[in-house]
């Protein structure tokens, strides 16, 4: 199976994975790409969101998916981004999170290399962690939330993330997700430094009300930087929604030329 995967890859990717399977555990910690994520739903507003962090660049561009009124999904590990959109399509067609993931798992090549998490419109959570997931990997879930990761410092990280989410009921979903990501770091996070992070939120519109990213941070503090960006953006979030729906009543921010 693995040889078939390698033969199907271009030269650069084939070289990377051929090297990967000969590395020691220490090498894996130092050189491979790690990810942990939280997908969640706000039980008060119906908003969906996802936050994700990784040692690889621009992780949210590949791993974070959410659709208003449908759910939120993470596709990670040796990532196939197409699975995220497919999972949302299945849930939009009426499948629960578990049914959507079961359908994907039963009909997708190389699924043993993938990790999927999903939360549906009813707040039901589901996950799949393929047996070829990298390093220490685990998941934890509860109503309205699912967390998972690979190459983790320890198996308890996702459970600590879920516990953090449940302690922040009543707060805005964006705040809760970033608190969860900090809890992941406090619990050990990944086995190595993280360099990118993202926050995705959807509400009632066809487009995300927040899609914030730190695509690379040299000092391994992308979650802290993402929190800083959220602190700037969140007070203006609803105003940007107003600008889309009713520009005449949208507020000014006093920027040059915006009189």
Protein backbone atom coordinates (compact mmCIF):
# COMPACT_ATOMS: atom_id res chain seq x y z
CA UNK A 1 0.00 0.00 0.00
CA UNK A 2 2.73 2.45 1.00
CA UNK A 3 4.73 1.74 -2.16
CA UNK A 4 1.63 2.50 -4.24
CA UNK A 5 1.29 5.86 -2.51
CA UNK A 6 4.95 6.70 -3.12
CA UNK A 7 4.76 5.72 -6.78
CA UNK A 8 1.78 8.05 -7.29
CA UNK A 9 3.61 11.10 -5.86
CA UNK A 10 5.80 13.62 -7.63
CA UNK A 11 9.54 13.38 -6.97
CA UNK A 12 9.76 15.91 -4.13
CA UNK A 13 6.84 14.46 -2.17
CA UNK A 14 8.05 10.91 -2.78
CA UNK A 15 11.46 11.84 -1.42
CA UNK A 16 9.93 13.37 1.71
CA UNK A 17 7.75 10.35 2.58
CA UNK A 18 10.46 7.84 1.72
CA UNK A 19 12.69 9.64 4.19
CA UNK A 20 9.86 9.82 6.73
CA UNK A 21 9.35 6.07 7.00
CA UNK A 22 13.06 5.48 7.76
CA UNK A 23 13.33 8.08 10.50
CA UNK A 24 13.56 7.42 14.22
CA UNK A 25 10.97 8.70 16.68
CA UNK A 26 13.28 11.60 17.54
CA UNK A 27 13.63 12.46 13.86
CA UNK A 28 9.85 12.43 13.48
CA UNK A 29 9.43 14.87 16.33
CA UNK A 30 11.99 17.22 14.82
CA UNK A 31 11.09 17.08 11.14
CA UNK A 32 7.48 16.12 10.50
CA UNK A 33 4.38 18.27 10.57
CA UNK A 34 2.17 18.22 13.64
CA UNK A 35 -1.38 19.46 14.08
CA UNK A 36 -4.02 19.91 16.78
CA UNK A 37 -7.48 21.38 16.30
CA UNK A 38 -10.86 22.14 17.82
CA UNK A 39 -14.16 22.13 15.92
CA UNK A 40 -17.16 23.47 17.80
CA UNK A 41 -20.67 24.89 17.79
CA UNK A 42 -22.14 27.63 19.97
CA UNK A 43 -25.30 26.26 21.54
CA UNK A 44 -26.70 29.78 22.06
CA UNK A 45 -26.19 31.30 18.58
CA UNK A 46 -25.75 28.27 16.31
CA UNK A 47 -22.41 29.63 15.09
CA UNK A 48 -19.76 27.14 14.05
CA UNK A 49 -16.04 27.57 14.38
CA UNK A 50 -12.71 25.86 14.13
CA UNK A 51 -9.23 26.66 15.32
CA UNK A 52 -6.10 24.76 14.33
CA UNK A 53 -2.36 25.03 14.87
CA UNK A 54 0.61 23.20 13.39
CA UNK A 55 4.34 23.17 12.90
CA UNK A 56 3.72 23.47 9.14
CA UNK A 57 3.02 26.79 7.38
CA UNK A 58 -0.50 28.04 6.62
CA UNK A 59 -2.26 25.12 8.32
CA UNK A 60 -5.71 26.72 8.29
CA UNK A 61 -5.62 27.00 4.49
CA UNK A 62 -5.68 23.20 4.24
CA UNK A 63 -7.36 21.93 7.40
CA UNK A 64 -10.17 24.30 8.49
CA UNK A 65 -13.70 24.03 7.08
CA UNK A 66 -17.04 25.41 8.27
CA UNK A 67 -20.41 26.22 6.69
CA UNK A 68 -23.22 28.28 8.20
CA UNK A 69 -26.13 26.14 9.41
CA UNK A 70 -24.24 22.95 8.57
CA UNK A 71 -21.18 22.35 10.72
CA UNK A 72 -17.43 22.61 11.16
CA UNK A 73 -14.83 20.09 10.04
CA UNK A 74 -11.10 19.54 10.34
CA UNK A 75 -9.18 17.43 7.82
CA UNK A 76 -5.64 16.87 9.09
CA UNK A 77 -2.62 14.61 9.63
CA UNK A 78 -1.32 13.71 6.13
CA UNK A 79 -4.01 16.03 4.88
CA UNK A 80 -6.47 15.67 2.04
CA UNK A 81 -8.29 19.04 2.05
CA UNK A 82 -11.01 17.67 -0.26
CA UNK A 83 -12.35 15.59 2.63
CA UNK A 84 -13.31 18.71 4.57
CA UNK A 85 -15.61 20.04 1.87
CA UNK A 86 -16.99 16.57 1.21
CA UNK A 87 -17.89 16.12 4.87
CA UNK A 88 -19.74 19.45 4.90
CA UNK A 89 -21.60 18.51 1.71
CA UNK A 90 -22.76 15.27 3.30
CA UNK A 91 -23.95 17.04 6.43
CA UNK A 92 -25.73 19.68 4.37
CA UNK A 93 -27.55 16.82 2.63
CA UNK A 94 -28.84 15.58 5.98
CA UNK A 95 -26.12 13.30 7.33
CA UNK A 96 -25.07 13.59 10.95
CA UNK A 97 -21.42 14.22 11.73
CA UNK A 98 -20.92 10.52 12.43
CA UNK A 99 -22.75 9.43 9.29
CA UNK A 100 -20.75 11.83 7.15
CA UNK A 101 -17.43 10.62 8.51
CA UNK A 102 -18.51 6.97 8.22
CA UNK A 103 -19.38 7.53 4.56
CA UNK A 104 -16.01 9.11 3.86
CA UNK A 105 -14.09 6.43 5.73
CA UNK A 106 -15.86 3.62 3.87
CA UNK A 107 -15.22 5.03 0.41
CA UNK A 108 -11.92 6.91 0.43
CA UNK A 109 -8.51 5.66 -0.65
CA UNK A 110 -5.64 6.02 1.82
CA UNK A 111 -8.08 6.94 4.60
CA UNK A 112 -5.77 5.29 7.14
CA UNK A 113 -3.44 8.30 6.73
CA UNK A 114 -6.16 10.87 7.52
CA UNK A 115 -7.70 12.44 10.59
CA UNK A 116 -11.20 13.93 10.41
CA UNK A 117 -13.31 15.70 13.00
CA UNK A 118 -16.80 17.17 12.61
CA UNK A 119 -19.58 18.87 14.56
CA UNK A 120 -23.05 18.98 12.98
CA UNK A 121 -26.04 21.33 13.27
CA UNK A 122 -27.37 19.41 16.28
CA UNK A 123 -24.09 19.72 18.14
CA UNK A 124 -23.22 16.06 17.68
CA UNK A 125 -19.49 15.42 17.29
CA UNK A 126 -17.58 12.68 15.51
CA UNK A 127 -14.00 11.88 14.58
CA UNK A 128 -11.83 9.42 12.71
CA UNK A 129 -8.12 8.90 13.40
CA UNK A 130 -6.45 6.68 10.86
CA UNK A 131 -4.04 4.02 12.07
CA UNK A 132 -1.26 5.72 10.12
CA UNK A 133 -1.66 8.93 12.12
CA UNK A 134 1.72 10.32 13.07
CA UNK A 135 3.29 9.96 16.50
CA UNK A 136 1.14 10.25 19.63
CA UNK A 137 -2.41 10.94 18.51
CA UNK A 138 -5.78 11.11 20.22
CA UNK A 139 -9.18 12.76 20.22
CA UNK A 140 -11.82 13.85 22.72
CA UNK A 141 -15.37 15.12 22.26
CA UNK A 142 -18.49 16.29 24.02
CA UNK A 143 -21.71 18.00 22.98
CA UNK A 144 -20.82 20.79 20.52
CA UNK A 145 -17.07 20.09 20.44
CA UNK A 146 -14.43 17.71 19.13
CA UNK A 147 -10.66 18.02 19.44
CA UNK A 148 -7.89 15.92 17.91
CA UNK A 149 -4.20 15.98 17.16
CA UNK A 150 -1.15 14.10 15.98
CA UNK A 151 2.46 14.10 17.11
CA UNK A 152 1.18 15.38 20.42
CA UNK A 153 3.23 15.75 23.56
CA UNK A 154 0.80 13.39 25.30
CA UNK A 155 -2.56 11.71 24.71
CA UNK A 156 -4.43 13.89 27.22
CA UNK A 157 -4.13 17.13 25.21
CA UNK A 158 -7.52 16.84 23.40
CA UNK A 159 -9.34 16.02 26.65
CA UNK A 160 -7.84 19.10 28.33
CA UNK A 161 -9.07 21.12 25.34
CA UNK A 162 -12.63 19.84 25.73
CA UNK A 163 -12.59 20.58 29.45
CA UNK A 164 -11.46 24.13 28.74
CA UNK A 165 -14.31 24.66 26.26
CA UNK A 166 -16.88 23.46 28.76
CA UNK A 167 -15.60 25.92 31.37
CA UNK A 168 -16.20 28.93 29.09
CA UNK A 169 -19.92 28.61 28.36
CA UNK A 170 -21.55 31.98 27.76
CA UNK A 171 -18.50 33.54 26.12
CA UNK A 172 -18.25 34.38 22.42
CA UNK A 173 -17.30 31.36 20.32
CA UNK A 174 -14.10 32.95 19.02
CA UNK A 175 -12.92 33.62 22.56
CA UNK A 176 -13.76 30.06 23.60
CA UNK A 177 -11.84 28.50 20.72
CA UNK A 178 -8.71 30.51 21.40
CA UNK A 179 -8.94 29.66 25.10
CA UNK A 180 -9.10 26.00 24.06
CA UNK A 181 -5.98 26.37 21.92
CA UNK A 182 -4.09 27.93 24.81
CA UNK A 183 -5.26 25.05 27.01
CA UNK A 184 -3.75 22.67 24.45
CA UNK A 185 -0.40 24.42 24.76
CA UNK A 186 -0.63 24.40 28.56
CA UNK A 187 -1.31 20.64 28.46
CA UNK A 188 1.83 20.03 26.40
CA UNK A 189 0.59 20.76 22.89
CA UNK A 190 2.65 19.20 20.17
CA UNK A 191 5.93 17.37 20.61
CA UNK A 192 7.67 20.27 18.84
CA UNK A 193 7.10 24.00 18.24
CA UNK A 194 4.08 25.24 16.33
CA UNK A 195 4.46 27.92 13.64
CA UNK A 196 1.01 28.59 12.18
CA UNK A 197 -2.55 28.87 13.44
CA UNK A 198 -6.00 29.88 12.24
CA UNK A 199 -9.49 30.75 13.44
CA UNK A 200 -12.57 30.26 11.25
CA UNK A 201 -16.11 31.32 12.24
CA UNK A 202 -19.40 31.12 10.36
CA UNK A 203 -22.79 32.42 11.44
CA UNK A 204 -25.85 32.90 9.20
CA UNK A 205 -24.14 34.13 6.03
CA UNK A 206 -22.61 32.28 3.11
CA UNK A 207 -19.17 33.65 3.96
CA UNK A 208 -17.10 33.40 7.15
CA UNK A 209 -17.58 36.23 9.63
CA UNK A 210 -13.98 35.60 10.72
CA UNK A 211 -11.16 33.90 8.84
CA UNK A 212 -8.01 34.87 10.69
CA UNK A 213 -4.61 33.30 10.15
CA UNK A 214 -1.03 33.41 11.26
CA UNK A 215 0.55 31.53 8.39
CA UNK A 216 4.07 31.51 9.85
CA UNK A 217 5.59 32.70 13.12
CA UNK A 218 9.34 32.29 13.55
CA UNK A 219 9.19 32.47 17.34
CA UNK A 220 6.72 29.57 17.62
CA UNK A 221 3.97 31.76 19.07
CA UNK A 222 1.26 31.70 16.36
CA UNK A 223 -1.57 31.07 18.83
CA UNK A 224 -0.60 34.10 20.89
CA UNK A 225 -0.36 36.19 17.72
CA UNK A 226 -3.73 34.88 16.53
CA UNK A 227 -5.23 35.92 19.87
CA UNK A 228 -3.80 39.41 19.35
CA UNK A 229 -5.38 39.61 15.89
CA UNK A 230 -8.71 38.39 17.28
CA UNK A 231 -8.63 41.03 20.00
CA UNK A 232 -8.31 43.68 17.28
CA UNK A 233 -10.85 42.15 14.92
CA UNK A 234 -13.61 40.91 17.21
CA UNK A 235 -14.95 44.35 18.27
CA UNK A 236 -15.42 45.12 14.57
CA UNK A 237 -16.85 41.76 13.49
CA UNK A 238 -20.51 42.79 13.49
CA UNK A 239 -19.70 46.09 11.74
CA UNK A 240 -18.20 44.19 8.80
CA UNK A 241 -21.40 42.16 8.60
CA UNK A 242 -23.37 45.42 8.49
CA UNK A 243 -21.12 46.75 5.71
CA UNK A 244 -22.03 43.73 3.60
CA UNK A 245 -25.76 43.91 4.22
CA UNK A 246 -26.41 47.65 4.50
CA UNK A 247 -23.42 49.80 3.49
CA UNK A 248 -25.32 53.06 4.05
CA UNK A 249 -25.57 52.36 7.77
CA UNK A 250 -22.10 50.88 8.21
CA UNK A 251 -19.83 52.69 10.67
CA UNK A 252 -16.67 54.55 9.74
CA UNK A 253 -13.36 53.68 11.33
CA UNK A 254 -11.76 57.05 10.73
CA UNK A 255 -9.14 55.83 8.27
CA UNK A 256 -7.73 58.40 5.83
CA UNK A 257 -10.34 59.17 3.16
CA UNK A 258 -13.19 57.57 5.12
CA UNK A 259 -14.88 60.78 6.22
